[in-house]
Amino acid sequence: MFKGKKSILALFCATVLSTSYAEATQPNTPGDYIGVTAINETSVRINFLDNSDNETGFRVFGEDINISIPAHDENEHPYVYANISGLTCDKIYVVQALAYNEDGTSAPTTPRAFNMHSTFGIECPDSVNLNDGLVGYYEFESNTLDSSGYNNDAIAHGTVSYQEGAIGQAIHFDQSYLTIPPSESLTFENEFSLTAFIHPDSLDEEWVKLFFGKEDLLDLSSYNFVSWIFKENQLSVFINNELIQTVTMDTDTVKAYLSILFAVDDDSERASNFYTGELDDVRFYTRALNPAEQEALYQLAQ
C-alpha cells in the first residue's frame, strides 16, 4: 500500500517537472539584420524584426550603448523601433540586439557597424582628422620633402637653411622662395585649406596681401599659426586661430593669391616676392578644415 502511494507520488512529481521544463522557453533571436537610420549627427533610429511572441523585452547593446526596449505585439507590427542618442559623430559603433524573458535571453543578432560621417554622409563639425584630404605636408626637417604620401616635394630657390622651429626644425629663407611641380593631387575647385607656422623677419608688399593688409597682427618675434580656409567662394584668414577677415573670391583668384606663399609651378616672376624668415609645418588640404582641426594643429606647437 505504501509502496503504491510512493509510486503514484513519484509519477506525479515527474509529470509536473516534465511539464515545467517543457514550458521553459527562451525567446527567439530577433531578425538578424539591424536597420539604422540617422536622425542627426548624434542620434539614430534602429529597427529589427521581432521573431518571438514570448519576450519580456529587448536589449540593444554595444560600446557605450545599452538600451532596453519593452515587448510589443508583433501581430500589430513585426518590427521593433528605438532611438539611440548621445552618439559621437565620427566614431564607429557596433550594435547587436537580443530578446529576453524570465527564462533567459536569446542569442544576439549579427553585429551591425555604422559611423555618422562615413555611413550617412553627415558632416561632423567637431571631429578631428588631420590626415583626411592632406595632399602636401612639409615638416622641413632638413629637407623640403612632402610627408603626406603624395610625393609633392617642394623645390627651394635661393638660399635656405634649417634651424629650430615651431615643431622640430623649420626652413629659413634669405631672399628665397619655394615652388612645387604641378600635380593632380594638388588641384582644388570648391574648397581647400593651407596652414603654416610663420616667423617673418619682415614682409614685402606682396606678402602683406596674404593678410589683407593686417600684417600688424603678426608677432614678428615668434611663430604665428596662420590658416587660409576656402569654401563656397569664401576665403577666410586666421592668425593663431583668430579670424582676421573673410572675403569673396573665385577659385582662380585664390590660386593666384596664395602663389605668393607657395607657387605650384616654377614661376620666375616670383623673384620679386622673396621672403625672409622661417616657415614650419606647412600643410595643404583639399577640403576646408573645421575649427576643431585648426585648433588641433595650433596646439601642436604649444
C-alpha atoms as a PDB file:
ATOM      1  CA  MET A   1       0.000   0.000   0.000  1.00  0.00           C
ATOM      2  CA  PHE A   2       2.724   2.469   0.980  1.00  0.00           C
ATOM      3  CA  LYS A   3       4.829   1.399  -1.964  1.00  0.00           C
ATOM      4  CA  GLY A   4       1.908   2.073  -4.298  1.00  0.00           C
ATOM      5  CA  LYS A   5       1.401   5.573  -2.888  1.00  0.00           C
ATOM      6  CA  LYS A   6       5.092   6.263  -3.265  1.00  0.00           C
ATOM      7  CA  SER A   7       4.988   5.181  -6.908  1.00  0.00           C
ATOM      8  CA  ILE A   8       1.994   7.409  -7.622  1.00  0.00           C
ATOM      9  CA  LEU A   9       3.729  10.364  -5.892  1.00  0.00           C
ATOM     10  CA  ALA A  10       6.930   9.833  -7.884  1.00  0.00           C
ATOM     11  CA  LEU A  11       4.951   9.667 -11.134  1.00  0.00           C
ATOM     12  CA  PHE A  12       3.099  12.892 -10.224  1.00  0.00           C
ATOM     13  CA  CYS A  13       6.344  14.742  -9.455  1.00  0.00           C
ATOM     14  CA  ALA A  14       7.965  13.523 -12.651  1.00  0.00           C
ATOM     15  CA  THR A  15       4.948  14.669 -14.669  1.00  0.00           C
ATOM     16  CA  VAL A  16       4.947  18.117 -13.046  1.00  0.00           C
ATOM     17  CA  LEU A  17       8.678  18.559 -13.510  1.00  0.00           C
ATOM     18  CA  SER A  18       8.496  17.396 -17.107  1.00  0.00           C
ATOM     19  CA  THR A  19       5.684  19.829 -17.834  1.00  0.00           C
ATOM     20  CA  SER A  20       7.582  22.661 -16.087  1.00  0.00           C
ATOM     21  CA  TYR A  21      10.737  22.090 -18.105  1.00  0.00           C
ATOM     22  CA  ALA A  22       8.768  21.834 -21.319  1.00  0.00           C
ATOM     23  CA  GLU A  23       7.183  25.240 -20.676  1.00  0.00           C
ATOM     24  CA  ALA A  24      10.544  26.984 -20.010  1.00  0.00           C
ATOM     25  CA  THR A  25      11.171  28.640 -23.353  1.00  0.00           C
ATOM     26  CA  GLN A  26      13.620  31.401 -24.150  1.00  0.00           C
ATOM     27  CA  PRO A  27      12.645  33.847 -26.891  1.00  0.00           C
ATOM     28  CA  ASN A  28      13.924  33.542 -30.419  1.00  0.00           C
ATOM     29  CA  THR A  29      16.724  35.740 -31.718  1.00  0.00           C
ATOM     30  CA  PRO A  30      15.395  38.903 -33.387  1.00  0.00           C
ATOM     31  CA  GLY A  31      15.755  39.241 -37.143  1.00  0.00           C
ATOM     32  CA  ASP A  32      19.447  39.152 -37.959  1.00  0.00           C
ATOM     33  CA  TYR A  33      19.548  42.498 -39.784  1.00  0.00           C
ATOM     34  CA  ILE A  34      19.504  45.716 -37.744  1.00  0.00           C
ATOM     35  CA  GLY A  35      18.422  48.730 -39.760  1.00  0.00           C
ATOM     36  CA  VAL A  36      19.993  52.060 -38.770  1.00  0.00           C
ATOM     37  CA  THR A  37      18.785  55.485 -39.950  1.00  0.00           C
ATOM     38  CA  ALA A  38      20.419  58.778 -38.994  1.00  0.00           C
ATOM     39  CA  ILE A  39      18.305  61.386 -37.185  1.00  0.00           C
ATOM     40  CA  ASN A  40      21.074  63.958 -36.747  1.00  0.00           C
ATOM     41  CA  GLU A  41      24.846  63.978 -36.085  1.00  0.00           C
ATOM     42  CA  THR A  42      24.418  62.354 -32.640  1.00  0.00           C
ATOM     43  CA  SER A  43      21.259  60.210 -32.924  1.00  0.00           C
ATOM     44  CA  VAL A  44      19.994  57.235 -34.940  1.00  0.00           C
ATOM     45  CA  ARG A  45      16.795  55.216 -35.184  1.00  0.00           C
ATOM     46  CA  ILE A  46      17.181  51.437 -35.291  1.00  0.00           C
ATOM     47  CA  ASN A  47      14.777  48.671 -36.259  1.00  0.00           C
ATOM     48  CA  PHE A  48      14.804  44.892 -36.307  1.00  0.00           C
ATOM     49  CA  LEU A  49      12.327  42.047 -36.797  1.00  0.00           C
ATOM     50  CA  ASP A  50      10.551  40.590 -33.761  1.00  0.00           C
ATOM     51  CA  ASN A  51      10.783  36.802 -34.109  1.00  0.00           C
ATOM     52  CA  SER A  52       9.165  35.873 -30.767  1.00  0.00           C
ATOM     53  CA  ASP A  53       5.789  36.019 -29.109  1.00  0.00           C
ATOM     54  CA  ASN A  54       7.029  35.329 -25.577  1.00  0.00           C
ATOM     55  CA  GLU A  55       9.639  38.041 -24.930  1.00  0.00           C
ATOM     56  CA  THR A  56       9.525  40.375 -21.943  1.00  0.00           C
ATOM     57  CA  GLY A  57      11.644  42.916 -23.798  1.00  0.00           C
ATOM     58  CA  PHE A  58      14.684  43.531 -25.952  1.00  0.00           C
ATOM     59  CA  ARG A  59      18.173  44.839 -25.320  1.00  0.00           C
ATOM     60  CA  VAL A  60      20.338  46.717 -27.815  1.00  0.00           C
ATOM     61  CA  PHE A  61      23.968  46.870 -26.805  1.00  0.00           C
ATOM     62  CA  GLY A  62      27.494  47.774 -27.936  1.00  0.00           C
ATOM     63  CA  GLU A  63      30.340  50.006 -26.800  1.00  0.00           C
ATOM     64  CA  ASP A  64      28.755  52.978 -24.997  1.00  0.00           C
ATOM     65  CA  ILE A  65      25.289  51.668 -25.983  1.00  0.00           C
ATOM     66  CA  ASN A  66      22.946  49.735 -23.689  1.00  0.00           C
ATOM     67  CA  ILE A  67      19.214  50.310 -24.018  1.00  0.00           C
ATOM     68  CA  SER A  68      16.160  48.236 -23.082  1.00  0.00           C
ATOM     69  CA  ILE A  69      13.023  48.131 -25.224  1.00  0.00           C
ATOM     70  CA  PRO A  70       9.677  46.861 -23.873  1.00  0.00           C
ATOM     71  CA  ALA A  71       7.936  43.929 -25.531  1.00  0.00           C
ATOM     72  CA  HIS A  72       5.388  44.810 -28.173  1.00  0.00           C
ATOM     73  CA  ASP A  73       2.691  42.959 -30.092  1.00  0.00           C
ATOM     74  CA  GLU A  74       4.354  41.533 -33.193  1.00  0.00           C
ATOM     75  CA  ASN A  75       0.907  40.924 -34.674  1.00  0.00           C
ATOM     76  CA  GLU A  76       0.320  44.680 -34.843  1.00  0.00           C
ATOM     77  CA  HIS A  77       3.748  45.421 -36.314  1.00  0.00           C
ATOM     78  CA  PRO A  78       6.516  42.901 -36.955  1.00  0.00           C
ATOM     79  CA  TYR A  79       9.361  45.396 -36.414  1.00  0.00           C
ATOM     80  CA  VAL A  80      10.771  46.872 -33.230  1.00  0.00           C
ATOM     81  CA  TYR A  81      11.922  50.523 -33.309  1.00  0.00           C
ATOM     82  CA  ALA A  82      14.044  52.572 -30.916  1.00  0.00           C
ATOM     83  CA  ASN A  83      16.124  55.743 -30.897  1.00  0.00           C
ATOM     84  CA  ILE A  84      19.744  55.903 -29.734  1.00  0.00           C
ATOM     85  CA  SER A  85      21.049  59.349 -28.831  1.00  0.00           C
ATOM     86  CA  GLY A  86      24.191  60.885 -27.369  1.00  0.00           C
ATOM     87  CA  LEU A  87      26.477  59.371 -30.011  1.00  0.00           C
ATOM     88  CA  THR A  88      29.848  60.777 -31.060  1.00  0.00           C
ATOM     89  CA  CYS A  89      29.602  61.892 -34.667  1.00  0.00           C
ATOM     90  CA  ASP A  90      32.826  60.492 -36.115  1.00  0.00           C
ATOM     91  CA  LYS A  91      33.033  57.285 -34.075  1.00  0.00           C
ATOM     92  CA  ILE A  92      32.430  53.745 -35.352  1.00  0.00           C
ATOM     93  CA  TYR A  93      29.690  51.976 -33.398  1.00  0.00           C
ATOM     94  CA  VAL A  94      28.858  48.254 -33.467  1.00  0.00           C
ATOM     95  CA  VAL A  95      25.430  47.208 -32.137  1.00  0.00           C
ATOM     96  CA  GLN A  96      23.597  43.940 -31.555  1.00  0.00           C
ATOM     97  CA  ALA A  97      20.117  43.086 -30.305  1.00  0.00           C
ATOM     98  CA  LEU A  98      18.647  40.216 -28.293  1.00  0.00           C
ATOM     99  CA  ALA A  99      15.286  39.284 -26.787  1.00  0.00           C
ATOM    100  CA  TYR A 100      14.769  38.193 -23.188  1.00  0.00           C
ATOM    101  CA  ASN A 101      12.155  36.830 -20.771  1.00  0.00           C
ATOM    102  CA  GLU A 102      12.138  35.224 -17.339  1.00  0.00           C
ATOM    103  CA  ASP A 103      13.594  32.023 -18.772  1.00  0.00           C
ATOM    104  CA  GLY A 104      16.680  33.663 -20.271  1.00  0.00           C
ATOM    105  CA  THR A 105      17.914  35.501 -23.319  1.00  0.00           C
ATOM    106  CA  SER A 106      18.071  34.716 -26.988  1.00  0.00           C
ATOM    107  CA  ALA A 107      21.288  34.575 -28.948  1.00  0.00           C
ATOM    108  CA  PRO A 108      22.349  38.051 -30.153  1.00  0.00           C
ATOM    109  CA  THR A 109      21.931  39.231 -33.711  1.00  0.00           C
ATOM    110  CA  THR A 110      24.835  39.660 -36.126  1.00  0.00           C
ATOM    111  CA  PRO A 111      26.770  42.855 -35.250  1.00  0.00           C
ATOM    112  CA  ARG A 112      25.870  45.977 -37.271  1.00  0.00           C
ATOM    113  CA  ALA A 113      28.522  48.711 -37.641  1.00  0.00           C
ATOM    114  CA  PHE A 114      27.855  52.332 -38.543  1.00  0.00           C
ATOM    115  CA  ASN A 115      29.510  55.738 -38.464  1.00  0.00           C
ATOM    116  CA  MET A 116      27.573  59.002 -38.651  1.00  0.00           C
ATOM    117  CA  HIS A 117      30.021  60.503 -41.152  1.00  0.00           C
ATOM    118  CA  SER A 118      31.048  57.613 -43.401  1.00  0.00           C
ATOM    119  CA  THR A 119      27.733  55.676 -43.293  1.00  0.00           C
ATOM    120  CA  PHE A 120      25.290  58.565 -43.587  1.00  0.00           C
ATOM    121  CA  GLY A 121      27.425  61.380 -45.011  1.00  0.00           C
ATOM    122  CA  ILE A 122      26.777  63.648 -42.046  1.00  0.00           C
ATOM    123  CA  GLU A 123      29.299  66.425 -41.528  1.00  0.00           C
ATOM    124  CA  CYS A 124      30.912  66.236 -38.113  1.00  0.00           C
ATOM    125  CA  PRO A 125      31.848  69.826 -37.257  1.00  0.00           C
ATOM    126  CA  ASP A 126      33.807  68.946 -34.154  1.00  0.00           C
ATOM    127  CA  SER A 127      35.604  65.866 -35.434  1.00  0.00           C
ATOM    128  CA  VAL A 128      39.370  65.930 -35.913  1.00  0.00           C
ATOM    129  CA  ASN A 129      41.112  64.027 -38.711  1.00  0.00           C
ATOM    130  CA  LEU A 130      44.377  65.699 -39.652  1.00  0.00           C
ATOM    131  CA  ASN A 131      45.111  63.161 -42.407  1.00  0.00           C
ATOM    132  CA  ASP A 132      41.821  63.441 -44.305  1.00  0.00           C
ATOM    133  CA  GLY A 133      42.454  65.380 -47.515  1.00  0.00           C
ATOM    134  CA  LEU A 134      46.108  66.081 -46.690  1.00  0.00           C
ATOM    135  CA  VAL A 135      47.972  66.212 -50.021  1.00  0.00           C
ATOM    136  CA  GLY A 136      51.002  68.302 -49.094  1.00  0.00           C
ATOM    137  CA  TYR A 137      52.815  68.247 -45.756  1.00  0.00           C
ATOM    138  CA  TYR A 138      56.163  69.985 -45.306  1.00  0.00           C
ATOM    139  CA  GLU A 139      57.854  69.406 -41.960  1.00  0.00           C
ATOM    140  CA  PHE A 140      61.165  70.948 -43.105  1.00  0.00           C
ATOM    141  CA  GLU A 141      63.286  68.526 -41.130  1.00  0.00           C
ATOM    142  CA  SER A 142      66.475  69.411 -43.046  1.00  0.00           C
ATOM    143  CA  ASN A 143      64.651  68.996 -46.386  1.00  0.00           C
ATOM    144  CA  THR A 144      61.669  70.182 -48.455  1.00  0.00           C
ATOM    145  CA  LEU A 145      60.125  66.738 -48.923  1.00  0.00           C
ATOM    146  CA  ASP A 146      56.389  66.093 -48.766  1.00  0.00           C
ATOM    147  CA  SER A 147      55.333  63.848 -45.850  1.00  0.00           C
ATOM    148  CA  SER A 148      51.705  63.443 -46.990  1.00  0.00           C
ATOM    149  CA  GLY A 149      52.443  60.368 -49.089  1.00  0.00           C
ATOM    150  CA  TYR A 150      51.611  62.122 -52.380  1.00  0.00           C
ATOM    151  CA  ASN A 151      55.263  62.952 -53.188  1.00  0.00           C
ATOM    152  CA  ASN A 152      54.584  66.625 -53.844  1.00  0.00           C
ATOM    153  CA  ASP A 153      58.126  67.575 -52.882  1.00  0.00           C
ATOM    154  CA  ALA A 154      58.923  71.293 -52.866  1.00  0.00           C
ATOM    155  CA  ILE A 155      61.903  72.909 -54.562  1.00  0.00           C
ATOM    156  CA  ALA A 156      63.849  75.708 -52.854  1.00  0.00           C
ATOM    157  CA  HIS A 157      65.031  78.652 -54.961  1.00  0.00           C
ATOM    158  CA  GLY A 158      67.737  80.831 -53.490  1.00  0.00           C
ATOM    159  CA  THR A 159      69.409  80.460 -50.113  1.00  0.00           C
ATOM    160  CA  VAL A 160      67.692  78.331 -47.456  1.00  0.00           C
ATOM    161  CA  SER A 161      68.876  76.792 -44.193  1.00  0.00           C
ATOM    162  CA  TYR A 162      67.321  74.868 -41.315  1.00  0.00           C
ATOM    163  CA  GLN A 163      67.044  75.831 -37.668  1.00  0.00           C
ATOM    164  CA  GLU A 164      64.875  75.315 -34.597  1.00  0.00           C
ATOM    165  CA  GLY A 165      61.243  75.843 -35.483  1.00  0.00           C
ATOM    166  CA  ALA A 166      57.757  75.753 -34.006  1.00  0.00           C
ATOM    167  CA  ILE A 167      57.757  71.948 -34.286  1.00  0.00           C
ATOM    168  CA  GLY A 168      61.193  70.359 -34.696  1.00  0.00           C
ATOM    169  CA  GLN A 169      63.125  72.138 -37.416  1.00  0.00           C
ATOM    170  CA  ALA A 170      61.961  74.982 -39.668  1.00  0.00           C
ATOM    171  CA  ILE A 171      63.210  76.239 -43.001  1.00  0.00           C
ATOM    172  CA  HIS A 172      64.835  79.694 -43.066  1.00  0.00           C
ATOM    173  CA  PHE A 173      64.612  81.864 -46.181  1.00  0.00           C
ATOM    174  CA  ASP A 174      67.034  84.611 -47.031  1.00  0.00           C
ATOM    175  CA  GLN A 175      65.706  86.280 -50.178  1.00  0.00           C
ATOM    176  CA  SER A 176      64.376  82.928 -51.420  1.00  0.00           C
ATOM    177  CA  TYR A 177      61.144  81.019 -52.079  1.00  0.00           C
ATOM    178  CA  LEU A 178      59.635  77.580 -52.734  1.00  0.00           C
ATOM    179  CA  THR A 179      57.798  76.060 -55.677  1.00  0.00           C
ATOM    180  CA  ILE A 180      56.016  72.714 -56.119  1.00  0.00           C
ATOM    181  CA  PRO A 181      55.848  70.931 -59.500  1.00  0.00           C
ATOM    182  CA  PRO A 182      52.295  70.670 -60.905  1.00  0.00           C
ATOM    183  CA  SER A 183      50.399  67.706 -59.505  1.00  0.00           C
ATOM    184  CA  GLU A 184      46.883  66.373 -59.986  1.00  0.00           C
ATOM    185  CA  SER A 185      46.611  65.728 -56.256  1.00  0.00           C
ATOM    186  CA  LEU A 186      47.184  69.432 -55.505  1.00  0.00           C
ATOM    187  CA  THR A 187      44.320  70.676 -57.664  1.00  0.00           C
ATOM    188  CA  PHE A 188      41.199  72.011 -55.991  1.00  0.00           C
ATOM    189  CA  GLU A 189      37.947  73.565 -57.134  1.00  0.00           C
ATOM    190  CA  ASN A 190      35.450  74.135 -54.354  1.00  0.00           C
ATOM    191  CA  GLU A 191      37.394  74.110 -51.103  1.00  0.00           C
ATOM    192  CA  PHE A 192      40.850  73.745 -49.604  1.00  0.00           C
ATOM    193  CA  SER A 193      42.957  74.653 -46.568  1.00  0.00           C
ATOM    194  CA  LEU A 194      46.527  75.888 -46.274  1.00  0.00           C
ATOM    195  CA  THR A 195      48.124  76.150 -42.837  1.00  0.00           C
ATOM    196  CA  ALA A 196      51.611  77.153 -41.722  1.00  0.00           C
ATOM    197  CA  PHE A 197      53.654  78.369 -38.798  1.00  0.00           C
ATOM    198  CA  ILE A 198      55.435  81.521 -39.965  1.00  0.00           C
ATOM    199  CA  HIS A 199      58.075  83.718 -38.346  1.00  0.00           C
ATOM    200  CA  PRO A 200      58.858  86.535 -40.778  1.00  0.00           C
ATOM    201  CA  ASP A 201      61.737  88.940 -40.302  1.00  0.00           C
ATOM    202  CA  SER A 202      59.829  91.359 -42.499  1.00  0.00           C
ATOM    203  CA  LEU A 203      57.096  91.343 -45.150  1.00  0.00           C
ATOM    204  CA  ASP A 204      57.189  92.975 -48.551  1.00  0.00           C
ATOM    205  CA  GLU A 205      54.133  94.433 -50.268  1.00  0.00           C
ATOM    206  CA  GLU A 206      53.182  91.120 -51.893  1.00  0.00           C
ATOM    207  CA  TRP A 207      53.351  89.179 -48.642  1.00  0.00           C
ATOM    208  CA  VAL A 208      51.228  91.794 -46.896  1.00  0.00           C
ATOM    209  CA  LYS A 209      48.419  90.867 -49.299  1.00  0.00           C
ATOM    210  CA  LEU A 210      48.242  87.424 -47.694  1.00  0.00           C
ATOM    211  CA  PHE A 211      46.883  89.073 -44.548  1.00  0.00           C
ATOM    212  CA  PHE A 212      44.592  91.582 -46.253  1.00  0.00           C
ATOM    213  CA  GLY A 213      46.886  94.390 -45.135  1.00  0.00           C
ATOM    214  CA  LYS A 214      46.609  93.425 -41.461  1.00  0.00           C
ATOM    215  CA  GLU A 215      50.193  92.270 -41.070  1.00  0.00           C
ATOM    216  CA  ASP A 216      50.429  94.275 -37.835  1.00  0.00           C
ATOM    217  CA  LEU A 217      48.527  91.397 -36.212  1.00  0.00           C
ATOM    218  CA  LEU A 218      51.555  89.147 -36.739  1.00  0.00           C
ATOM    219  CA  ASP A 219      54.073  88.818 -33.929  1.00  0.00           C
ATOM    220  CA  LEU A 220      57.451  89.215 -35.643  1.00  0.00           C
ATOM    221  CA  SER A 221      59.260  87.990 -32.509  1.00  0.00           C
ATOM    222  CA  SER A 222      57.810  84.447 -32.600  1.00  0.00           C
ATOM    223  CA  TYR A 223      55.934  81.915 -34.704  1.00  0.00           C
ATOM    224  CA  ASN A 224      52.374  82.632 -35.806  1.00  0.00           C
ATOM    225  CA  PHE A 225      49.949  79.887 -36.814  1.00  0.00           C
ATOM    226  CA  VAL A 226      48.166  81.029 -39.980  1.00  0.00           C
ATOM    227  CA  SER A 227      45.259  79.283 -41.747  1.00  0.00           C
ATOM    228  CA  TRP A 228      43.754  80.092 -45.107  1.00  0.00           C
ATOM    229  CA  ILE A 229      40.399  78.310 -45.443  1.00  0.00           C
ATOM    230  CA  PHE A 230      38.485  78.402 -48.744  1.00  0.00           C
ATOM    231  CA  LYS A 231      34.909  77.159 -49.065  1.00  0.00           C
ATOM    232  CA  GLU A 232      31.904  78.236 -51.145  1.00  0.00           C
ATOM    233  CA  ASN A 233      33.882  81.102 -52.735  1.00  0.00           C
ATOM    234  CA  GLN A 234      34.749  82.476 -49.308  1.00  0.00           C
ATOM    235  CA  LEU A 235      38.398  82.795 -48.266  1.00  0.00           C
ATOM    236  CA  SER A 236      38.944  83.198 -44.516  1.00  0.00           C
ATOM    237  CA  VAL A 237      42.298  84.051 -42.943  1.00  0.00           C
ATOM    238  CA  PHE A 238      43.086  83.157 -39.328  1.00  0.00           C
ATOM    239  CA  ILE A 239      46.102  84.149 -37.241  1.00  0.00           C
ATOM    240  CA  ASN A 240      46.581  81.992 -34.141  1.00  0.00           C
ATOM    241  CA  ASN A 241      43.018  80.755 -34.699  1.00  0.00           C
ATOM    242  CA  GLU A 242      41.551  84.268 -34.583  1.00  0.00           C
ATOM    243  CA  LEU A 243      39.534  85.136 -37.686  1.00  0.00           C
ATOM    244  CA  ILE A 244      41.113  88.152 -39.383  1.00  0.00           C
ATOM    245  CA  GLN A 245      38.838  88.565 -42.371  1.00  0.00           C
ATOM    246  CA  THR A 246      36.659  86.725 -44.867  1.00  0.00           C
ATOM    247  CA  VAL A 247      36.438  87.847 -48.490  1.00  0.00           C
ATOM    248  CA  THR A 248      34.620  86.551 -51.552  1.00  0.00           C
ATOM    249  CA  MET A 249      36.943  85.129 -54.215  1.00  0.00           C
ATOM    250  CA  ASP A 250      36.648  82.708 -57.103  1.00  0.00           C
ATOM    251  CA  THR A 251      38.945  79.708 -57.339  1.00  0.00           C
ATOM    252  CA  ASP A 252      41.368  81.165 -59.890  1.00  0.00           C
ATOM    253  CA  THR A 253      41.818  84.353 -57.872  1.00  0.00           C
ATOM    254  CA  VAL A 254      42.537  82.353 -54.731  1.00  0.00           C
ATOM    255  CA  LYS A 255      45.163  80.251 -56.524  1.00  0.00           C
ATOM    256  CA  ALA A 256      46.961  83.382 -57.735  1.00  0.00           C
ATOM    257  CA  TYR A 257      46.629  84.967 -54.314  1.00  0.00           C
ATOM    258  CA  LEU A 258      48.226  82.051 -52.473  1.00  0.00           C
ATOM    259  CA  SER A 259      51.005  81.565 -55.012  1.00  0.00           C
ATOM    260  CA  ILE A 260      52.727  84.374 -53.111  1.00  0.00           C
ATOM    261  CA  LEU A 261      53.408  81.820 -50.369  1.00  0.00           C
ATOM    262  CA  PHE A 262      53.732  78.632 -52.416  1.00  0.00           C
ATOM    263  CA  ALA A 263      53.750  78.501 -56.199  1.00  0.00           C
ATOM    264  CA  VAL A 264      52.575  75.242 -57.748  1.00  0.00           C
ATOM    265  CA  ASP A 265      54.940  75.685 -60.716  1.00  0.00           C
ATOM    266  CA  ASP A 266      58.354  77.252 -61.356  1.00  0.00           C
ATOM    267  CA  ASP A 267      57.337  80.890 -61.695  1.00  0.00           C
ATOM    268  CA  SER A 268      60.301  83.132 -62.478  1.00  0.00           C
ATOM    269  CA  GLU A 269      58.178  86.232 -61.800  1.00  0.00           C
ATOM    270  CA  ARG A 270      58.313  85.330 -58.137  1.00  0.00           C
ATOM    271  CA  ALA A 271      61.835  86.728 -57.942  1.00  0.00           C
ATOM    272  CA  SER A 272      60.297  89.979 -56.678  1.00  0.00           C
ATOM    273  CA  ASN A 273      58.365  88.172 -53.910  1.00  0.00           C
ATOM    274  CA  PHE A 274      61.244  86.975 -51.774  1.00  0.00           C
ATOM    275  CA  TYR A 275      60.533  86.011 -48.188  1.00  0.00           C
ATOM    276  CA  THR A 276      62.924  86.489 -45.289  1.00  0.00           C
ATOM    277  CA  GLY A 277      62.215  84.466 -42.156  1.00  0.00           C
ATOM    278  CA  GLU A 278      61.102  80.955 -41.172  1.00  0.00           C
ATOM    279  CA  LEU A 279      58.330  78.603 -42.251  1.00  0.00           C
ATOM    280  CA  ASP A 280      57.359  75.412 -40.451  1.00  0.00           C
ATOM    281  CA  ASP A 281      54.780  72.622 -40.694  1.00  0.00           C
ATOM    282  CA  VAL A 282      53.087  73.749 -43.898  1.00  0.00           C
ATOM    283  CA  ARG A 283      50.034  71.702 -44.880  1.00  0.00           C
ATOM    284  CA  PHE A 284      47.750  71.609 -47.935  1.00  0.00           C
ATOM    285  CA  TYR A 285      44.272  70.047 -47.647  1.00  0.00           C
ATOM    286  CA  THR A 286      41.736  69.504 -50.423  1.00  0.00           C
ATOM    287  CA  ARG A 287      38.926  70.366 -48.028  1.00  0.00           C
ATOM    288  CA  ALA A 288      38.042  73.071 -45.533  1.00  0.00           C
ATOM    289  CA  LEU A 289      39.316  72.296 -42.044  1.00  0.00           C
ATOM    290  CA  ASN A 290      36.817  72.754 -39.237  1.00  0.00           C
ATOM    291  CA  PRO A 291      37.575  74.867 -36.142  1.00  0.00           C
ATOM    292  CA  ALA A 292      38.431  71.815 -34.025  1.00  0.00           C
ATOM    293  CA  GLU A 293      41.030  70.707 -36.582  1.00  0.00           C
ATOM    294  CA  GLN A 294      42.529  74.186 -36.775  1.00  0.00           C
ATOM    295  CA  GLU A 295      42.825  74.202 -33.007  1.00  0.00           C
ATOM    296  CA  ALA A 296      44.450  70.753 -33.010  1.00  0.00           C
ATOM    297  CA  LEU A 297      47.105  71.968 -35.464  1.00  0.00           C
ATOM    298  CA  TYR A 298      47.704  75.148 -33.465  1.00  0.00           C
ATOM    299  CA  GLN A 299      48.205  73.102 -30.290  1.00  0.00           C
ATOM    300  CA  LEU A 300      50.959  71.031 -31.923  1.00  0.00           C
ATOM    301  CA  ALA A 301      53.383  73.862 -31.196  1.00  0.00           C
ATOM    302  CA  GLN A 302      52.096  74.770 -27.734  1.00  0.00           C
END
